Amino acid sequence: MFRRTFWFTAGAAAGVWATTKVNRKLKQLTPESLAAQAANKAIEAGHRLKDFALDVRDGMAQREAELDEALGLGARPEVPGPRRFAAIENRNNPKYVERSTYSYNRNEDH
């Protein structure tokens, strides 16, 4: 009699365990759950990509500093500002303009 009670209880426990396991798996496979999992994975991948890009940027800056030190390029030269073009209309009293209307691009069609 105890044997039958033991196996009945073991079978009921296994049934409850299996039912719970199947229900959890079914909830994981719903479209909403799959969409949430995909979004979480995408966010995680974005964070990893951002961390990788920051590591690459730090490595580039470190290597550039090493090369500058090795080549003796400690101070960077000043870059001159944009040039001004003198207007050709008035040669005696030229007015300087920020941009010329003349284009140096010979490939332009107009």
N, C-alpha and C. Protein backbone atom coordinates (compact mmCIF):
# COMPACT_ATOMS: atom_id res chain seq x y z
N MET A 1 0.81 -1.19 0.00
CA MET A 1 0.00 0.00 0.00
C MET A 1 0.86 1.26 0.00
N PHE A 2 1.94 1.28 0.81
CA PHE A 2 2.83 2.43 0.83
C PHE A 2 3.52 2.59 -0.53
N ARG A 3 3.77 1.48 -1.15
CA ARG A 3 4.42 1.52 -2.46
C ARG A 3 3.52 2.22 -3.48
N ARG A 4 2.27 1.88 -3.49
CA ARG A 4 1.32 2.49 -4.41
C ARG A 4 1.15 3.98 -4.11
N THR A 5 1.10 4.33 -2.86
CA THR A 5 0.97 5.74 -2.48
C THR A 5 2.22 6.52 -2.91
N PHE A 6 3.40 5.90 -2.72
CA PHE A 6 4.64 6.56 -3.14
C PHE A 6 4.64 6.83 -4.64
N TRP A 7 4.33 5.81 -5.43
CA TRP A 7 4.36 5.98 -6.89
C TRP A 7 3.25 6.91 -7.37
N PHE A 8 2.11 6.90 -6.71
CA PHE A 8 1.05 7.84 -7.07
C PHE A 8 1.51 9.28 -6.81
N THR A 9 2.13 9.53 -5.67
CA THR A 9 2.62 10.87 -5.32
C THR A 9 3.76 11.29 -6.25
N ALA A 10 4.65 10.37 -6.56
CA ALA A 10 5.75 10.67 -7.48
C ALA A 10 5.21 11.00 -8.87
N GLY A 11 4.22 10.30 -9.33
CA GLY A 11 3.61 10.56 -10.63
C GLY A 11 2.89 11.90 -10.66
N ALA A 12 2.19 12.22 -9.57
CA ALA A 12 1.48 13.50 -9.50
C ALA A 12 2.48 14.66 -9.49
N ALA A 13 3.57 14.49 -8.74
CA ALA A 13 4.60 15.54 -8.68
C ALA A 13 5.25 15.71 -10.05
N ALA A 14 5.53 14.61 -10.74
CA ALA A 14 6.13 14.70 -12.08
C ALA A 14 5.17 15.37 -13.05
N GLY A 15 3.88 15.09 -12.91
CA GLY A 15 2.89 15.73 -13.79
C GLY A 15 2.80 17.23 -13.55
N VAL A 16 2.81 17.63 -12.29
CA VAL A 16 2.78 19.07 -11.97
C VAL A 16 4.04 19.75 -12.49
N TRP A 17 5.20 19.10 -12.29
CA TRP A 17 6.47 19.66 -12.74
C TRP A 17 6.47 19.82 -14.27
N ALA A 18 6.03 18.79 -14.98
CA ALA A 18 6.01 18.83 -16.45
C ALA A 18 5.02 19.87 -16.95
N THR A 19 3.86 19.97 -16.32
CA THR A 19 2.87 20.97 -16.73
C THR A 19 3.40 22.38 -16.53
N THR A 20 4.05 22.61 -15.40
CA THR A 20 4.63 23.93 -15.14
C THR A 20 5.71 24.26 -16.17
N LYS A 21 6.55 23.27 -16.46
CA LYS A 21 7.63 23.47 -17.43
C LYS A 21 7.07 23.81 -18.82
N VAL A 22 6.05 23.08 -19.24
CA VAL A 22 5.44 23.30 -20.56
C VAL A 22 4.77 24.67 -20.61
N ASN A 23 4.08 25.07 -19.55
CA ASN A 23 3.42 26.37 -19.54
C ASN A 23 4.44 27.52 -19.60
N ARG A 24 5.55 27.38 -18.89
CA ARG A 24 6.60 28.42 -18.97
C ARG A 24 7.15 28.53 -20.39
N LYS A 25 7.39 27.38 -21.02
CA LYS A 25 7.92 27.39 -22.38
C LYS A 25 6.93 28.01 -23.36
N LEU A 26 5.64 27.71 -23.17
CA LEU A 26 4.62 28.30 -24.05
C LEU A 26 4.55 29.81 -23.88
N LYS A 27 4.70 30.29 -22.64
CA LYS A 27 4.71 31.74 -22.41
C LYS A 27 5.92 32.40 -23.06
N GLN A 28 7.05 31.70 -23.09
CA GLN A 28 8.25 32.25 -23.73
C GLN A 28 8.09 32.32 -25.24
N LEU A 29 7.24 31.52 -25.80
CA LEU A 29 7.10 31.47 -27.27
C LEU A 29 5.94 32.30 -27.80
N THR A 30 5.32 33.11 -26.95
CA THR A 30 4.27 34.01 -27.45
C THR A 30 4.92 35.13 -28.24
N PRO A 31 4.21 35.72 -29.20
CA PRO A 31 4.80 36.79 -30.01
C PRO A 31 5.29 37.98 -29.17
N GLU A 32 4.56 38.33 -28.13
CA GLU A 32 4.98 39.46 -27.29
C GLU A 32 6.29 39.16 -26.58
N SER A 33 6.39 37.94 -26.07
CA SER A 33 7.60 37.54 -25.36
C SER A 33 8.80 37.47 -26.33
N LEU A 34 8.57 36.93 -27.51
CA LEU A 34 9.65 36.87 -28.50
C LEU A 34 10.11 38.27 -28.91
N ALA A 35 9.15 39.19 -29.07
CA ALA A 35 9.50 40.57 -29.42
C ALA A 35 10.30 41.23 -28.30
N ALA A 36 9.90 41.00 -27.06
CA ALA A 36 10.63 41.57 -25.93
C ALA A 36 12.04 40.99 -25.84
N GLN A 37 12.17 39.68 -26.08
CA GLN A 37 13.50 39.06 -26.06
C GLN A 37 14.39 39.63 -27.16
N ALA A 38 13.82 39.81 -28.34
CA ALA A 38 14.60 40.36 -29.46
C ALA A 38 15.02 41.79 -29.15
N ALA A 39 14.12 42.58 -28.57
CA ALA A 39 14.48 43.96 -28.22
C ALA A 39 15.58 43.99 -27.17
N ASN A 40 15.49 43.12 -26.18
CA ASN A 40 16.54 43.06 -25.16
C ASN A 40 17.89 42.66 -25.76
N LYS A 41 17.87 41.70 -26.67
CA LYS A 41 19.12 41.29 -27.32
C LYS A 41 19.69 42.42 -28.17
N ALA A 42 18.82 43.17 -28.85
CA ALA A 42 19.29 44.28 -29.68
C ALA A 42 19.90 45.37 -28.81
N ILE A 43 19.27 45.66 -27.68
CA ILE A 43 19.82 46.67 -26.78
C ILE A 43 21.17 46.21 -26.23
N GLU A 44 21.25 44.94 -25.86
CA GLU A 44 22.51 44.39 -25.35
C GLU A 44 23.60 44.46 -26.41
N ALA A 45 23.26 44.13 -27.65
CA ALA A 45 24.23 44.20 -28.75
C ALA A 45 24.67 45.65 -28.98
N GLY A 46 23.73 46.59 -28.89
CA GLY A 46 24.08 48.00 -29.03
C GLY A 46 25.04 48.46 -27.96
N HIS A 47 24.82 48.03 -26.72
CA HIS A 47 25.74 48.39 -25.63
C HIS A 47 27.13 47.80 -25.87
N ARG A 48 27.17 46.55 -26.32
CA ARG A 48 28.46 45.93 -26.61
C ARG A 48 29.18 46.65 -27.74
N LEU A 49 28.43 47.03 -28.78
CA LEU A 49 29.02 47.75 -29.90
C LEU A 49 29.54 49.12 -29.46
N LYS A 50 28.79 49.80 -28.61
CA LYS A 50 29.22 51.10 -28.09
C LYS A 50 30.49 50.95 -27.27
N ASP A 51 30.54 49.93 -26.40
CA ASP A 51 31.75 49.68 -25.60
C ASP A 51 32.94 49.38 -26.50
N PHE A 52 32.71 48.60 -27.55
CA PHE A 52 33.79 48.29 -28.49
C PHE A 52 34.29 49.55 -29.18
N ALA A 53 33.37 50.41 -29.63
CA ALA A 53 33.76 51.65 -30.30
C ALA A 53 34.55 52.55 -29.35
N LEU A 54 34.14 52.62 -28.10
CA LEU A 54 34.87 53.44 -27.13
C LEU A 54 36.26 52.87 -26.88
N ASP A 55 36.38 51.55 -26.81
CA ASP A 55 37.69 50.93 -26.64
C ASP A 55 38.59 51.21 -27.85
N VAL A 56 38.01 51.13 -29.05
CA VAL A 56 38.80 51.42 -30.26
C VAL A 56 39.25 52.88 -30.26
N ARG A 57 38.36 53.79 -29.88
CA ARG A 57 38.71 55.21 -29.84
C ARG A 57 39.83 55.47 -28.83
N ASP A 58 39.74 54.85 -27.66
CA ASP A 58 40.79 55.01 -26.66
C ASP A 58 42.12 54.45 -27.16
N GLY A 59 42.06 53.29 -27.81
CA GLY A 59 43.28 52.70 -28.37
C GLY A 59 43.88 53.57 -29.45
N MET A 60 43.03 54.16 -30.29
CA MET A 60 43.53 55.05 -31.35
C MET A 60 44.20 56.27 -30.76
N ALA A 61 43.59 56.85 -29.74
CA ALA A 61 44.18 58.04 -29.11
C ALA A 61 45.49 57.70 -28.44
N GLN A 62 45.56 56.54 -27.80
CA GLN A 62 46.79 56.13 -27.16
C GLN A 62 47.89 55.90 -28.19
N ARG A 63 47.55 55.22 -29.28
CA ARG A 63 48.55 54.95 -30.33
C ARG A 63 49.00 56.24 -31.00
N GLU A 64 48.07 57.16 -31.22
CA GLU A 64 48.42 58.45 -31.82
C GLU A 64 49.37 59.22 -30.91
N ALA A 65 49.11 59.16 -29.60
CA ALA A 65 50.01 59.83 -28.66
C ALA A 65 51.39 59.19 -28.68
N GLU A 66 51.45 57.87 -28.78
CA GLU A 66 52.73 57.18 -28.86
C GLU A 66 53.49 57.58 -30.13
N LEU A 67 52.78 57.64 -31.26
CA LEU A 67 53.43 58.02 -32.52
C LEU A 67 53.88 59.48 -32.48
N ASP A 68 53.06 60.36 -31.92
CA ASP A 68 53.45 61.77 -31.80
C ASP A 68 54.71 61.90 -30.97
N GLU A 69 54.78 61.15 -29.89
CA GLU A 69 55.96 61.21 -29.03
C GLU A 69 57.18 60.63 -29.74
N ALA A 70 56.98 59.54 -30.48
CA ALA A 70 58.10 58.92 -31.18
C ALA A 70 58.60 59.80 -32.32
N LEU A 71 57.73 60.54 -32.97
CA LEU A 71 58.12 61.38 -34.10
C LEU A 71 58.43 62.82 -33.69
N GLY A 72 58.24 63.14 -32.42
CA GLY A 72 58.52 64.48 -31.94
C GLY A 72 57.48 65.50 -32.39
N LEU A 73 56.26 65.10 -32.50
CA LEU A 73 55.18 65.99 -32.93
C LEU A 73 54.30 66.36 -31.75
N GLY A 74 54.91 66.81 -30.66
CA GLY A 74 54.16 67.10 -29.45
C GLY A 74 53.13 68.20 -29.64
N ALA A 75 53.54 69.30 -30.26
CA ALA A 75 52.62 70.43 -30.44
C ALA A 75 52.04 70.40 -31.84
N ARG A 76 50.76 70.52 -31.92
CA ARG A 76 50.09 70.54 -33.22
C ARG A 76 50.12 71.97 -33.77
N PRO A 77 50.39 72.15 -35.06
CA PRO A 77 50.40 73.50 -35.63
C PRO A 77 48.99 74.06 -35.73
N GLU A 78 48.91 75.37 -35.69
CA GLU A 78 47.62 76.05 -35.84
C GLU A 78 47.18 75.97 -37.29
N VAL A 79 45.93 75.70 -37.50
CA VAL A 79 45.37 75.65 -38.85
C VAL A 79 44.88 77.06 -39.18
N PRO A 80 45.32 77.62 -40.32
CA PRO A 80 44.87 78.98 -40.65
C PRO A 80 43.37 79.00 -40.94
N GLY A 81 42.78 80.15 -40.71
CA GLY A 81 41.36 80.33 -40.97
C GLY A 81 41.08 80.37 -42.46
N PRO A 82 39.82 80.46 -42.85
CA PRO A 82 39.48 80.51 -44.28
C PRO A 82 39.96 81.82 -44.90
N ARG A 83 40.39 81.72 -46.14
CA ARG A 83 40.86 82.92 -46.84
C ARG A 83 39.68 83.75 -47.30
N ARG A 84 39.96 85.02 -47.45
CA ARG A 84 38.95 85.93 -47.99
C ARG A 84 39.35 86.30 -49.41
N PHE A 85 38.38 86.44 -50.26
CA PHE A 85 38.64 86.79 -51.65
C PHE A 85 38.29 88.26 -51.86
N ALA A 86 39.17 88.96 -52.54
CA ALA A 86 38.91 90.37 -52.84
C ALA A 86 37.93 90.45 -54.00
N ALA A 87 37.00 91.35 -53.89
CA ALA A 87 36.06 91.56 -54.98
C ALA A 87 36.77 92.29 -56.11
N ILE A 88 36.58 91.84 -57.32
CA ILE A 88 37.28 92.42 -58.46
C ILE A 88 36.59 93.69 -58.96
N GLU A 89 35.38 93.94 -58.56
CA GLU A 89 34.63 95.07 -59.08
C GLU A 89 35.31 96.41 -58.80
N ASN A 90 35.79 96.59 -57.61
CA ASN A 90 36.36 97.88 -57.22
C ASN A 90 37.82 97.65 -56.82
N ARG A 91 38.76 97.89 -57.76
CA ARG A 91 40.16 97.60 -57.51
C ARG A 91 40.82 98.59 -56.57
N ASN A 92 40.38 99.83 -56.58
CA ASN A 92 40.99 100.84 -55.71
C ASN A 92 40.59 100.65 -54.25
N ASN A 93 39.38 100.25 -54.03
CA ASN A 93 38.88 100.06 -52.68
C ASN A 93 38.23 98.67 -52.62
N PRO A 94 39.04 97.62 -52.53
CA PRO A 94 38.44 96.28 -52.58
C PRO A 94 37.68 95.97 -51.30
N LYS A 95 36.56 95.31 -51.48
CA LYS A 95 35.78 94.83 -50.35
C LYS A 95 36.01 93.32 -50.25
N TYR A 96 36.24 92.88 -49.08
CA TYR A 96 36.50 91.46 -48.88
C TYR A 96 35.20 90.75 -48.53
N VAL A 97 35.03 89.62 -49.16
CA VAL A 97 33.84 88.82 -48.93
C VAL A 97 34.26 87.48 -48.36
N GLU A 98 33.37 86.88 -47.62
CA GLU A 98 33.68 85.58 -47.01
C GLU A 98 33.77 84.47 -48.06
N ARG A 99 32.89 84.52 -49.04
CA ARG A 99 32.88 83.48 -50.07
C ARG A 99 32.83 84.14 -51.43
N SER A 100 33.54 83.57 -52.32
CA SER A 100 33.52 84.08 -53.68
C SER A 100 32.42 83.36 -54.46
N THR A 101 31.86 84.04 -55.44
CA THR A 101 30.87 83.39 -56.28
C THR A 101 31.52 82.54 -57.35
N TYR A 102 32.83 82.74 -57.54
CA TYR A 102 33.56 81.97 -58.53
C TYR A 102 33.82 80.58 -57.97
N SER A 103 33.55 79.57 -58.75
CA SER A 103 33.76 78.19 -58.31
C SER A 103 35.03 77.65 -58.95
N TYR A 104 35.84 77.02 -58.15
CA TYR A 104 37.07 76.40 -58.65
C TYR A 104 36.85 74.98 -59.12
N ASN A 105 35.64 74.51 -59.03
CA ASN A 105 35.32 73.15 -59.45
C ASN A 105 35.03 73.19 -60.95
N ARG A 106 35.90 72.61 -61.72
CA ARG A 106 35.74 72.63 -63.18
C ARG A 106 34.72 71.61 -63.65
N ASN A 107 34.26 70.75 -62.78
CA ASN A 107 33.31 69.70 -63.17
C ASN A 107 31.87 70.15 -63.06
N GLU A 108 31.65 71.37 -62.62
CA GLU A 108 30.28 71.85 -62.50
C GLU A 108 29.68 72.14 -63.86
N ASP A 109 28.42 71.86 -64.02
CA ASP A 109 27.75 72.05 -65.31
C ASP A 109 27.12 73.43 -65.45
N HIS A 110 27.07 74.22 -64.43
CA HIS A 110 26.41 75.52 -64.53
C HIS A 110 27.40 76.65 -64.46
